[in-house]
């Protein structure tokens, strides 16, 4: 939850990218 390009609550998985 830091450099997430998605401002959604589901950005938890996005941070893995």
C-alpha atoms as a PDB file:
ATOM      1  CA  UNK A   1       0.000   0.000   0.000  1.00  0.00           C
ATOM      2  CA  UNK A   2       2.480   2.595  -1.152  1.00  0.00           C
ATOM      3  CA  UNK A   3       3.262   2.732  -4.849  1.00  0.00           C
ATOM      4  CA  UNK A   4      -0.099   1.361  -5.883  1.00  0.00           C
ATOM      5  CA  UNK A   5      -1.325   2.756  -9.179  1.00  0.00           C
ATOM      6  CA  UNK A   6      -4.876   1.798  -8.236  1.00  0.00           C
ATOM      7  CA  UNK A   7      -6.666   4.000  -5.728  1.00  0.00           C
ATOM      8  CA  UNK A   8      -9.007   1.163  -4.899  1.00  0.00           C
ATOM      9  CA  UNK A   9      -9.338  -0.853  -1.675  1.00  0.00           C
ATOM     10  CA  UNK A  10      -8.339  -3.884  -3.740  1.00  0.00           C
ATOM     11  CA  UNK A  11      -4.910  -2.380  -4.457  1.00  0.00           C
ATOM     12  CA  UNK A  12      -3.514  -4.924  -1.991  1.00  0.00           C
ATOM     13  CA  UNK A  13      -2.761  -7.331  -4.827  1.00  0.00           C
ATOM     14  CA  UNK A  14      -1.652  -4.495  -7.108  1.00  0.00           C
ATOM     15  CA  UNK A  15       1.288  -3.682  -4.854  1.00  0.00           C
ATOM     16  CA  UNK A  16       2.721  -7.092  -5.752  1.00  0.00           C
ATOM     17  CA  UNK A  17       3.187  -6.018  -9.366  1.00  0.00           C
END
